[in-house]
Amino acid sequence: MSTASHASDPNRGTASGNHETGEAHSTIRGYLTGFGLSVVLTVIPFWLVMARPIEDGVVTAVLVILAAVAQIVVHMIYFLHMDARSEGGWTVMALIFTVVLLVITISGSLWVMYHLNSNMMPMDHDVMDMDGPRTLQQQQMQIEGDQPMGAATAPAGGNTPTTGQSGQSGMSPDSMDHGSMGH
């Protein structure tokens, strides 16, 4: 096109031309509004997690996710200037494609992590009982209780050395607490 045809172009500077209104995409006020909303939508989830005003973890997680989705929308509107009219609707198609890929990726990752956690975590049944995990002292007491009948054990409260199956001399837990050497 020549310069004369540009000047006489009826679409130049109108809604059907390159820009919707012929002016800048956004103003300083629009950017500040988007920034303020982004800060608020960041502070709220941070406060929810750090202060724990809601005891239920599932409700907190849902609120954090909703704030994240709202922040995505704020960024798309105020900073990326995405709407159904821009670029003939192609940005909306790209957005839908991106959302589909994100949903597949995130749901697949969560599914894999859940199944890895439930299927691959070792469960030591000797350490766990109905009351929960045992303390180190309870585990030692069970080990001493599982020794064969011929193994010698220290009398309660005494500081005599004990002899295990291998014949090695050891100290009873009581003798360790009192700082004696057991000799």
N, C-alpha and C. Protein backbone atom coordinates (compact mmCIF):
# COMPACT_ATOMS: atom_id res chain seq x y z
N MET A 1 0.84 -1.18 0.00
CA MET A 1 0.00 0.00 0.00
C MET A 1 0.88 1.23 0.00
N SER A 2 0.38 2.24 -0.56
CA SER A 2 1.13 3.49 -0.60
C SER A 2 0.76 4.33 0.61
N THR A 3 1.48 5.44 0.77
CA THR A 3 1.23 6.33 1.89
C THR A 3 -0.17 6.92 1.80
N ALA A 4 -0.63 7.20 0.62
CA ALA A 4 -1.96 7.78 0.44
C ALA A 4 -3.05 6.79 0.86
N SER A 5 -2.81 5.50 0.58
CA SER A 5 -3.84 4.54 0.95
C SER A 5 -3.89 4.32 2.47
N HIS A 6 -2.74 4.51 3.17
CA HIS A 6 -2.74 4.44 4.63
C HIS A 6 -3.58 5.56 5.22
N ALA A 7 -3.44 6.71 4.68
CA ALA A 7 -4.17 7.86 5.20
C ALA A 7 -5.66 7.72 4.97
N SER A 8 -6.04 7.06 3.88
CA SER A 8 -7.46 6.94 3.60
C SER A 8 -8.05 5.62 4.09
N ASP A 9 -7.27 4.81 4.80
CA ASP A 9 -7.76 3.53 5.31
C ASP A 9 -8.83 3.77 6.36
N PRO A 10 -10.06 3.30 6.12
CA PRO A 10 -11.13 3.57 7.07
C PRO A 10 -10.97 2.79 8.39
N ASN A 11 -10.20 1.69 8.37
CA ASN A 11 -10.01 0.89 9.59
C ASN A 11 -8.88 1.40 10.48
N ARG A 12 -8.11 2.33 10.03
CA ARG A 12 -6.95 2.80 10.78
C ARG A 12 -7.41 3.53 12.05
N GLY A 13 -6.96 3.02 13.22
CA GLY A 13 -7.26 3.67 14.48
C GLY A 13 -8.64 3.34 15.02
N THR A 14 -9.33 2.39 14.42
CA THR A 14 -10.65 2.02 14.92
C THR A 14 -10.58 0.65 15.59
N ALA A 15 -11.72 0.18 16.06
CA ALA A 15 -11.77 -1.09 16.79
C ALA A 15 -11.39 -2.27 15.91
N SER A 16 -11.58 -2.17 14.60
CA SER A 16 -11.24 -3.30 13.74
C SER A 16 -9.83 -3.19 13.18
N GLY A 17 -9.10 -2.15 13.53
CA GLY A 17 -7.72 -1.98 13.07
C GLY A 17 -6.75 -2.69 13.98
N ASN A 18 -5.49 -2.20 14.01
CA ASN A 18 -4.44 -2.83 14.79
C ASN A 18 -4.69 -2.75 16.29
N HIS A 19 -5.18 -1.65 16.77
CA HIS A 19 -5.49 -1.48 18.18
C HIS A 19 -6.99 -1.27 18.34
N GLU A 20 -7.49 -1.67 19.50
CA GLU A 20 -8.93 -1.58 19.71
C GLU A 20 -9.42 -0.13 19.68
N THR A 21 -8.72 0.76 20.34
CA THR A 21 -9.18 2.14 20.42
C THR A 21 -8.20 3.12 19.82
N GLY A 22 -7.05 2.65 19.36
CA GLY A 22 -6.06 3.54 18.79
C GLY A 22 -5.16 4.15 19.84
N GLU A 23 -5.37 3.84 21.13
CA GLU A 23 -4.52 4.38 22.19
C GLU A 23 -3.71 3.24 22.81
N ALA A 24 -2.92 3.55 23.79
CA ALA A 24 -2.07 2.56 24.44
C ALA A 24 -2.94 1.47 25.08
N HIS A 25 -2.34 0.26 25.22
CA HIS A 25 -3.08 -0.87 25.79
C HIS A 25 -3.54 -0.60 27.21
N SER A 26 -2.72 0.01 28.02
CA SER A 26 -3.08 0.23 29.41
C SER A 26 -2.47 1.53 29.89
N THR A 27 -2.94 1.97 31.03
CA THR A 27 -2.44 3.19 31.62
C THR A 27 -1.67 2.84 32.89
N ILE A 28 -1.04 3.82 33.46
CA ILE A 28 -0.34 3.63 34.73
C ILE A 28 -1.33 3.17 35.80
N ARG A 29 -2.53 3.74 35.76
CA ARG A 29 -3.55 3.36 36.74
C ARG A 29 -3.90 1.87 36.60
N GLY A 30 -4.00 1.36 35.37
CA GLY A 30 -4.28 -0.05 35.14
C GLY A 30 -3.16 -0.95 35.66
N TYR A 31 -1.91 -0.56 35.41
CA TYR A 31 -0.78 -1.33 35.91
C TYR A 31 -0.73 -1.31 37.44
N LEU A 32 -1.00 -0.15 38.04
CA LEU A 32 -0.99 -0.08 39.51
C LEU A 32 -2.13 -0.90 40.11
N THR A 33 -3.28 -0.91 39.46
CA THR A 33 -4.39 -1.73 39.93
C THR A 33 -4.00 -3.21 39.88
N GLY A 34 -3.43 -3.63 38.77
CA GLY A 34 -2.97 -5.02 38.64
C GLY A 34 -1.91 -5.38 39.66
N PHE A 35 -0.98 -4.43 39.90
CA PHE A 35 0.07 -4.68 40.90
C PHE A 35 -0.54 -4.81 42.29
N GLY A 36 -1.46 -3.92 42.63
CA GLY A 36 -2.09 -3.98 43.96
C GLY A 36 -2.86 -5.28 44.16
N LEU A 37 -3.62 -5.69 43.15
CA LEU A 37 -4.34 -6.96 43.26
C LEU A 37 -3.38 -8.15 43.37
N SER A 38 -2.27 -8.09 42.65
CA SER A 38 -1.29 -9.17 42.72
C SER A 38 -0.67 -9.26 44.11
N VAL A 39 -0.37 -8.13 44.71
CA VAL A 39 0.21 -8.12 46.05
C VAL A 39 -0.79 -8.69 47.06
N VAL A 40 -2.04 -8.26 46.98
CA VAL A 40 -3.06 -8.75 47.90
C VAL A 40 -3.26 -10.25 47.72
N LEU A 41 -3.28 -10.72 46.46
CA LEU A 41 -3.49 -12.14 46.19
C LEU A 41 -2.25 -12.97 46.51
N THR A 42 -1.13 -12.34 46.81
CA THR A 42 0.05 -13.05 47.30
C THR A 42 0.09 -13.06 48.82
N VAL A 43 -0.28 -11.95 49.43
CA VAL A 43 -0.22 -11.83 50.89
C VAL A 43 -1.27 -12.72 51.57
N ILE A 44 -2.45 -12.80 51.01
CA ILE A 44 -3.52 -13.58 51.63
C ILE A 44 -3.13 -15.07 51.77
N PRO A 45 -2.68 -15.75 50.71
CA PRO A 45 -2.27 -17.15 50.90
C PRO A 45 -1.09 -17.30 51.86
N PHE A 46 -0.15 -16.37 51.81
CA PHE A 46 0.98 -16.42 52.73
C PHE A 46 0.49 -16.35 54.17
N TRP A 47 -0.44 -15.43 54.44
CA TRP A 47 -1.01 -15.30 55.79
C TRP A 47 -1.77 -16.57 56.18
N LEU A 48 -2.54 -17.14 55.24
CA LEU A 48 -3.30 -18.35 55.54
C LEU A 48 -2.39 -19.51 55.95
N VAL A 49 -1.25 -19.61 55.30
CA VAL A 49 -0.34 -20.72 55.60
C VAL A 49 0.47 -20.45 56.86
N MET A 50 0.95 -19.23 57.04
CA MET A 50 1.82 -18.93 58.17
C MET A 50 1.05 -18.76 59.48
N ALA A 51 -0.07 -18.08 59.48
CA ALA A 51 -0.82 -17.81 60.71
C ALA A 51 -1.79 -18.94 61.06
N ARG A 52 -2.15 -19.76 60.09
CA ARG A 52 -3.10 -20.86 60.27
C ARG A 52 -4.39 -20.44 60.97
N PRO A 53 -5.11 -19.45 60.44
CA PRO A 53 -6.37 -19.07 61.05
C PRO A 53 -7.45 -20.13 60.85
N ILE A 54 -7.26 -20.99 59.84
CA ILE A 54 -8.20 -22.07 59.56
C ILE A 54 -7.48 -23.38 59.88
N GLU A 55 -8.06 -24.17 60.77
CA GLU A 55 -7.42 -25.41 61.23
C GLU A 55 -7.41 -26.50 60.16
N ASP A 56 -8.45 -26.55 59.33
CA ASP A 56 -8.55 -27.60 58.32
C ASP A 56 -7.58 -27.32 57.17
N GLY A 57 -6.65 -28.23 56.94
CA GLY A 57 -5.65 -28.07 55.90
C GLY A 57 -6.23 -28.10 54.49
N VAL A 58 -7.30 -28.86 54.30
CA VAL A 58 -7.91 -28.95 52.97
C VAL A 58 -8.54 -27.62 52.59
N VAL A 59 -9.23 -26.99 53.53
CA VAL A 59 -9.85 -25.69 53.26
C VAL A 59 -8.77 -24.65 52.95
N THR A 60 -7.69 -24.68 53.71
CA THR A 60 -6.59 -23.75 53.46
C THR A 60 -6.00 -23.97 52.07
N ALA A 61 -5.80 -25.22 51.70
CA ALA A 61 -5.24 -25.52 50.38
C ALA A 61 -6.17 -25.05 49.26
N VAL A 62 -7.47 -25.24 49.43
CA VAL A 62 -8.43 -24.80 48.41
C VAL A 62 -8.40 -23.27 48.29
N LEU A 63 -8.33 -22.57 49.42
CA LEU A 63 -8.27 -21.10 49.37
C LEU A 63 -6.98 -20.61 48.70
N VAL A 64 -5.87 -21.27 48.96
CA VAL A 64 -4.61 -20.90 48.32
C VAL A 64 -4.70 -21.13 46.81
N ILE A 65 -5.29 -22.23 46.40
CA ILE A 65 -5.43 -22.51 44.97
C ILE A 65 -6.36 -21.49 44.30
N LEU A 66 -7.45 -21.14 44.97
CA LEU A 66 -8.35 -20.12 44.41
C LEU A 66 -7.65 -18.77 44.27
N ALA A 67 -6.84 -18.41 45.25
CA ALA A 67 -6.08 -17.16 45.15
C ALA A 67 -5.08 -17.22 44.00
N ALA A 68 -4.49 -18.38 43.77
CA ALA A 68 -3.55 -18.53 42.65
C ALA A 68 -4.26 -18.38 41.31
N VAL A 69 -5.43 -18.97 41.18
CA VAL A 69 -6.20 -18.85 39.94
C VAL A 69 -6.62 -17.40 39.72
N ALA A 70 -7.06 -16.73 40.79
CA ALA A 70 -7.44 -15.32 40.67
C ALA A 70 -6.24 -14.48 40.26
N GLN A 71 -5.07 -14.82 40.79
CA GLN A 71 -3.88 -14.05 40.42
C GLN A 71 -3.51 -14.28 38.95
N ILE A 72 -3.72 -15.48 38.45
CA ILE A 72 -3.48 -15.74 37.02
C ILE A 72 -4.40 -14.88 36.17
N VAL A 73 -5.66 -14.79 36.55
CA VAL A 73 -6.62 -13.97 35.81
C VAL A 73 -6.22 -12.50 35.86
N VAL A 74 -5.81 -12.02 37.02
CA VAL A 74 -5.36 -10.62 37.15
C VAL A 74 -4.18 -10.36 36.23
N HIS A 75 -3.23 -11.26 36.20
CA HIS A 75 -2.05 -11.06 35.34
C HIS A 75 -2.45 -11.06 33.87
N MET A 76 -3.36 -11.95 33.50
CA MET A 76 -3.77 -12.01 32.10
C MET A 76 -4.50 -10.73 31.68
N ILE A 77 -5.31 -10.19 32.54
CA ILE A 77 -6.10 -9.02 32.17
C ILE A 77 -5.28 -7.74 32.24
N TYR A 78 -4.57 -7.53 33.36
CA TYR A 78 -3.90 -6.25 33.58
C TYR A 78 -2.52 -6.16 32.96
N PHE A 79 -1.80 -7.28 32.83
CA PHE A 79 -0.43 -7.21 32.32
C PHE A 79 -0.28 -7.79 30.92
N LEU A 80 -1.02 -8.84 30.60
CA LEU A 80 -0.93 -9.44 29.27
C LEU A 80 -1.99 -8.90 28.32
N HIS A 81 -2.97 -8.17 28.85
CA HIS A 81 -4.03 -7.53 28.06
C HIS A 81 -4.77 -8.54 27.19
N MET A 82 -5.08 -9.69 27.78
CA MET A 82 -5.78 -10.74 27.04
C MET A 82 -7.28 -10.59 27.23
N ASP A 83 -8.00 -10.62 26.12
CA ASP A 83 -9.46 -10.66 26.14
C ASP A 83 -9.92 -11.33 24.85
N ALA A 84 -11.20 -11.51 24.71
CA ALA A 84 -11.74 -12.23 23.54
C ALA A 84 -11.59 -11.44 22.25
N ARG A 85 -11.41 -10.12 22.34
CA ARG A 85 -11.34 -9.29 21.13
C ARG A 85 -9.92 -9.15 20.58
N SER A 86 -8.90 -9.34 21.43
CA SER A 86 -7.54 -9.08 20.97
C SER A 86 -7.07 -10.14 19.99
N GLU A 87 -6.45 -9.70 18.93
CA GLU A 87 -5.85 -10.51 17.87
C GLU A 87 -6.83 -11.52 17.28
N GLY A 88 -8.05 -11.11 17.13
CA GLY A 88 -9.05 -11.94 16.46
C GLY A 88 -9.42 -13.20 17.20
N GLY A 89 -9.21 -13.24 18.51
CA GLY A 89 -9.57 -14.41 19.30
C GLY A 89 -8.50 -15.48 19.38
N TRP A 90 -7.37 -15.28 18.71
CA TRP A 90 -6.31 -16.30 18.74
C TRP A 90 -5.67 -16.41 20.12
N THR A 91 -5.62 -15.34 20.86
CA THR A 91 -5.04 -15.43 22.20
C THR A 91 -5.91 -16.27 23.12
N VAL A 92 -7.22 -16.22 22.92
CA VAL A 92 -8.11 -17.05 23.73
C VAL A 92 -7.91 -18.52 23.37
N MET A 93 -7.73 -18.84 22.11
CA MET A 93 -7.47 -20.23 21.70
C MET A 93 -6.14 -20.71 22.29
N ALA A 94 -5.14 -19.87 22.27
CA ALA A 94 -3.85 -20.24 22.87
C ALA A 94 -4.00 -20.42 24.37
N LEU A 95 -4.83 -19.59 25.00
CA LEU A 95 -5.07 -19.72 26.44
C LEU A 95 -5.77 -21.03 26.77
N ILE A 96 -6.77 -21.40 25.99
CA ILE A 96 -7.48 -22.66 26.22
C ILE A 96 -6.52 -23.84 26.07
N PHE A 97 -5.69 -23.82 25.05
CA PHE A 97 -4.71 -24.89 24.84
C PHE A 97 -3.74 -24.96 26.02
N THR A 98 -3.28 -23.81 26.50
CA THR A 98 -2.37 -23.78 27.64
C THR A 98 -3.04 -24.31 28.90
N VAL A 99 -4.29 -23.94 29.13
CA VAL A 99 -5.01 -24.42 30.32
C VAL A 99 -5.18 -25.94 30.26
N VAL A 100 -5.50 -26.47 29.09
CA VAL A 100 -5.65 -27.92 28.95
C VAL A 100 -4.33 -28.62 29.27
N LEU A 101 -3.22 -28.10 28.73
CA LEU A 101 -1.92 -28.69 29.02
C LEU A 101 -1.56 -28.60 30.50
N LEU A 102 -1.87 -27.46 31.12
CA LEU A 102 -1.58 -27.31 32.55
C LEU A 102 -2.40 -28.28 33.40
N VAL A 103 -3.67 -28.44 33.07
CA VAL A 103 -4.52 -29.37 33.84
C VAL A 103 -3.99 -30.80 33.70
N ILE A 104 -3.61 -31.19 32.50
CA ILE A 104 -3.07 -32.54 32.30
C ILE A 104 -1.77 -32.71 33.07
N THR A 105 -0.89 -31.74 33.00
CA THR A 105 0.42 -31.83 33.67
C THR A 105 0.27 -31.85 35.18
N ILE A 106 -0.52 -30.93 35.72
CA ILE A 106 -0.66 -30.84 37.18
C ILE A 106 -1.40 -32.06 37.73
N SER A 107 -2.51 -32.45 37.10
CA SER A 107 -3.26 -33.60 37.62
C SER A 107 -2.44 -34.88 37.48
N GLY A 108 -1.71 -35.03 36.40
CA GLY A 108 -0.86 -36.21 36.24
C GLY A 108 0.27 -36.24 37.26
N SER A 109 0.87 -35.10 37.54
CA SER A 109 1.93 -35.04 38.54
C SER A 109 1.41 -35.37 39.93
N LEU A 110 0.25 -34.81 40.29
CA LEU A 110 -0.34 -35.11 41.59
C LEU A 110 -0.70 -36.58 41.70
N TRP A 111 -1.23 -37.16 40.64
CA TRP A 111 -1.59 -38.57 40.64
C TRP A 111 -0.35 -39.45 40.84
N VAL A 112 0.72 -39.15 40.12
CA VAL A 112 1.96 -39.92 40.24
C VAL A 112 2.54 -39.77 41.65
N MET A 113 2.58 -38.55 42.17
CA MET A 113 3.15 -38.34 43.51
C MET A 113 2.31 -39.05 44.57
N TYR A 114 0.99 -39.04 44.45
CA TYR A 114 0.14 -39.73 45.41
C TYR A 114 0.42 -41.23 45.41
N HIS A 115 0.48 -41.81 44.21
CA HIS A 115 0.70 -43.24 44.13
C HIS A 115 2.11 -43.63 44.54
N LEU A 116 3.09 -42.80 44.26
CA LEU A 116 4.45 -43.09 44.73
C LEU A 116 4.48 -43.05 46.26
N ASN A 117 3.81 -42.09 46.85
CA ASN A 117 3.80 -41.98 48.30
C ASN A 117 3.11 -43.17 48.94
N SER A 118 1.99 -43.61 48.38
CA SER A 118 1.25 -44.70 49.02
C SER A 118 1.82 -46.07 48.68
N ASN A 119 2.48 -46.23 47.56
CA ASN A 119 2.96 -47.55 47.15
C ASN A 119 4.45 -47.78 47.38
N MET A 120 5.23 -46.73 47.51
CA MET A 120 6.68 -46.91 47.59
C MET A 120 7.27 -46.61 48.96
N MET A 121 6.49 -46.08 49.88
CA MET A 121 7.03 -45.76 51.20
C MET A 121 7.20 -47.06 51.99
N PRO A 122 8.40 -47.30 52.54
CA PRO A 122 8.60 -48.52 53.32
C PRO A 122 7.84 -48.44 54.64
N MET A 123 7.26 -49.54 55.03
CA MET A 123 6.54 -49.58 56.29
C MET A 123 7.19 -50.66 57.14
N ASP A 124 7.86 -50.25 58.20
CA ASP A 124 8.51 -51.18 59.10
C ASP A 124 7.51 -51.57 60.18
N HIS A 125 6.95 -52.75 60.06
CA HIS A 125 5.91 -53.18 60.99
C HIS A 125 6.47 -53.47 62.37
N ASP A 126 7.78 -53.75 62.47
CA ASP A 126 8.37 -53.99 63.79
C ASP A 126 8.48 -52.70 64.59
N VAL A 127 8.61 -51.57 63.91
CA VAL A 127 8.76 -50.30 64.61
C VAL A 127 7.41 -49.67 64.90
N MET A 128 6.43 -49.92 64.03
CA MET A 128 5.11 -49.33 64.21
C MET A 128 4.21 -50.31 64.95
N ASP A 129 3.41 -49.82 65.87
CA ASP A 129 2.39 -50.63 66.50
C ASP A 129 1.09 -49.84 66.51
N MET A 130 0.11 -50.34 67.20
CA MET A 130 -1.20 -49.70 67.17
C MET A 130 -1.20 -48.32 67.82
N ASP A 131 -0.27 -48.07 68.73
CA ASP A 131 -0.23 -46.78 69.42
C ASP A 131 0.59 -45.74 68.68
N GLY A 132 1.22 -46.09 67.60
CA GLY A 132 2.04 -45.14 66.88
C GLY A 132 3.50 -45.56 66.91
N PRO A 133 4.40 -44.70 66.49
CA PRO A 133 5.82 -45.06 66.45
C PRO A 133 6.38 -45.22 67.85
N ARG A 134 7.31 -46.13 67.99
CA ARG A 134 7.93 -46.38 69.28
C ARG A 134 9.14 -45.48 69.47
N THR A 135 9.45 -45.24 70.72
CA THR A 135 10.64 -44.46 71.02
C THR A 135 11.86 -45.36 70.90
N LEU A 136 13.04 -44.80 70.90
CA LEU A 136 14.27 -45.56 70.79
C LEU A 136 14.41 -46.52 71.97
N GLN A 137 14.03 -46.06 73.16
CA GLN A 137 14.12 -46.92 74.34
C GLN A 137 13.16 -48.10 74.22
N GLN A 138 11.96 -47.89 73.70
CA GLN A 138 11.01 -48.98 73.51
C GLN A 138 11.53 -49.98 72.48
N GLN A 139 12.19 -49.49 71.43
CA GLN A 139 12.76 -50.38 70.42
C GLN A 139 13.88 -51.20 71.03
N GLN A 140 14.73 -50.60 71.87
CA GLN A 140 15.82 -51.33 72.51
C GLN A 140 15.27 -52.38 73.46
N MET A 141 14.21 -52.05 74.17
CA MET A 141 13.62 -53.01 75.10
C MET A 141 13.06 -54.20 74.34
N GLN A 142 12.46 -53.97 73.16
CA GLN A 142 11.92 -55.07 72.39
C GLN A 142 13.06 -55.93 71.86
N ILE A 143 14.15 -55.30 71.42
CA ILE A 143 15.29 -56.07 70.93
C ILE A 143 15.85 -56.93 72.04
N GLU A 144 15.99 -56.37 73.24
CA GLU A 144 16.49 -57.15 74.37
C GLU A 144 15.51 -58.25 74.73
N GLY A 145 14.22 -58.00 74.60
CA GLY A 145 13.21 -59.01 74.90
C GLY A 145 13.18 -60.11 73.87
N ASP A 146 13.66 -59.85 72.65
CA ASP A 146 13.65 -60.86 71.58
C ASP A 146 14.88 -61.74 71.61
N GLN A 147 15.83 -61.52 72.54
CA GLN A 147 17.04 -62.31 72.59
C GLN A 147 16.71 -63.73 73.04
N PRO A 148 17.51 -64.69 72.62
CA PRO A 148 17.27 -66.07 73.04
C PRO A 148 17.41 -66.23 74.55
N MET A 149 16.88 -67.30 75.07
CA MET A 149 16.85 -67.52 76.51
C MET A 149 18.24 -67.55 77.11
N GLY A 150 19.27 -67.98 76.41
CA GLY A 150 20.62 -68.11 76.96
C GLY A 150 21.34 -66.79 77.08
N ALA A 151 20.82 -65.71 76.50
CA ALA A 151 21.52 -64.43 76.54
C ALA A 151 21.31 -63.78 77.89
N ALA A 152 22.38 -63.26 78.45
CA ALA A 152 22.31 -62.63 79.76
C ALA A 152 21.90 -61.18 79.61
N THR A 153 21.09 -60.71 80.54
CA THR A 153 20.70 -59.32 80.56
C THR A 153 21.02 -58.74 81.92
N ALA A 154 21.15 -57.44 81.99
CA ALA A 154 21.48 -56.78 83.25
C ALA A 154 20.26 -56.69 84.13
N PRO A 155 20.44 -56.84 85.43
CA PRO A 155 19.29 -56.65 86.31
C PRO A 155 18.86 -55.20 86.32
N ALA A 156 17.60 -54.95 86.60
CA ALA A 156 17.08 -53.59 86.58
C ALA A 156 17.80 -52.74 87.61
N GLY A 157 18.26 -51.58 87.20
CA GLY A 157 18.91 -50.65 88.11
C GLY A 157 20.36 -50.98 88.38
N GLY A 158 20.84 -52.10 87.93
CA GLY A 158 22.23 -52.47 88.18
C GLY A 158 23.14 -51.92 87.11
N ASN A 159 24.44 -51.88 87.41
CA ASN A 159 25.38 -51.42 86.40
C ASN A 159 26.40 -52.50 86.13
N THR A 160 25.90 -53.73 85.97
CA THR A 160 26.78 -54.82 85.57
C THR A 160 26.75 -54.92 84.07
N PRO A 161 27.86 -55.35 83.47
CA PRO A 161 27.90 -55.45 82.02
C PRO A 161 26.99 -56.58 81.54
N THR A 162 26.44 -56.40 80.36
CA THR A 162 25.60 -57.43 79.76
C THR A 162 26.37 -58.12 78.66
N THR A 163 26.02 -59.35 78.42
CA THR A 163 26.66 -60.10 77.35
C THR A 163 25.58 -60.53 76.38
N GLY A 164 25.73 -60.16 75.13
CA GLY A 164 24.75 -60.53 74.11
C GLY A 164 25.09 -61.86 73.50
N GLN A 165 24.45 -62.17 72.38
CA GLN A 165 24.66 -63.43 71.69
C GLN A 165 26.10 -63.57 71.21
N SER A 166 26.69 -62.49 70.78
CA SER A 166 28.02 -62.58 70.21
C SER A 166 29.10 -62.65 71.28
N GLY A 167 28.72 -62.55 72.54
CA GLY A 167 29.69 -62.64 73.62
C GLY A 167 30.37 -61.32 73.92
N GLN A 168 29.98 -60.26 73.26
CA GLN A 168 30.60 -58.97 73.52
C GLN A 168 29.96 -58.35 74.74
N SER A 169 30.78 -57.66 75.51
CA SER A 169 30.28 -57.02 76.71
C SER A 169 29.71 -55.66 76.36
N GLY A 170 28.56 -55.34 76.95
CA GLY A 170 27.95 -54.05 76.71
C GLY A 170 27.46 -53.47 78.01
N MET A 171 26.97 -52.25 77.97
CA MET A 171 26.48 -51.60 79.19
C MET A 171 24.96 -51.54 79.12
N SER A 172 24.34 -51.65 80.28
CA SER A 172 22.89 -51.53 80.33
C SER A 172 22.51 -50.07 80.18
N PRO A 173 21.29 -49.78 79.76
CA PRO A 173 20.88 -48.38 79.63
C PRO A 173 20.96 -47.63 80.95
N ASP A 174 20.71 -48.33 82.08
CA ASP A 174 20.78 -47.66 83.37
C ASP A 174 22.19 -47.22 83.70
N SER A 175 23.15 -48.06 83.36
CA SER A 175 24.53 -47.69 83.68
C SER A 175 25.00 -46.52 82.83
N MET A 176 24.47 -46.40 81.62
CA MET A 176 24.83 -45.27 80.78
C MET A 176 24.26 -43.98 81.35
N ASP A 177 23.05 -44.05 81.91
CA ASP A 177 22.43 -42.87 82.45
C ASP A 177 23.18 -42.33 83.65
N HIS A 178 23.76 -43.23 84.45
CA HIS A 178 24.44 -42.79 85.66
C HIS A 178 25.90 -42.45 85.42
N GLY A 179 26.38 -42.67 84.24
CA GLY A 179 27.75 -42.29 83.91
C GLY A 179 28.79 -43.30 84.36
N SER A 180 28.41 -44.45 84.89
CA SER A 180 29.41 -45.43 85.31
C SER A 180 29.88 -46.23 84.12
N MET A 181 31.06 -46.78 84.25
CA MET A 181 31.64 -47.51 83.15
C MET A 181 31.16 -48.95 83.08
N GLY A 182 30.57 -49.47 84.15
CA GLY A 182 30.05 -50.81 84.10
C GLY A 182 31.11 -51.85 84.41
N HIS A 183 32.28 -51.50 84.91
CA HIS A 183 33.31 -52.47 85.20
C HIS A 183 33.29 -52.86 86.64
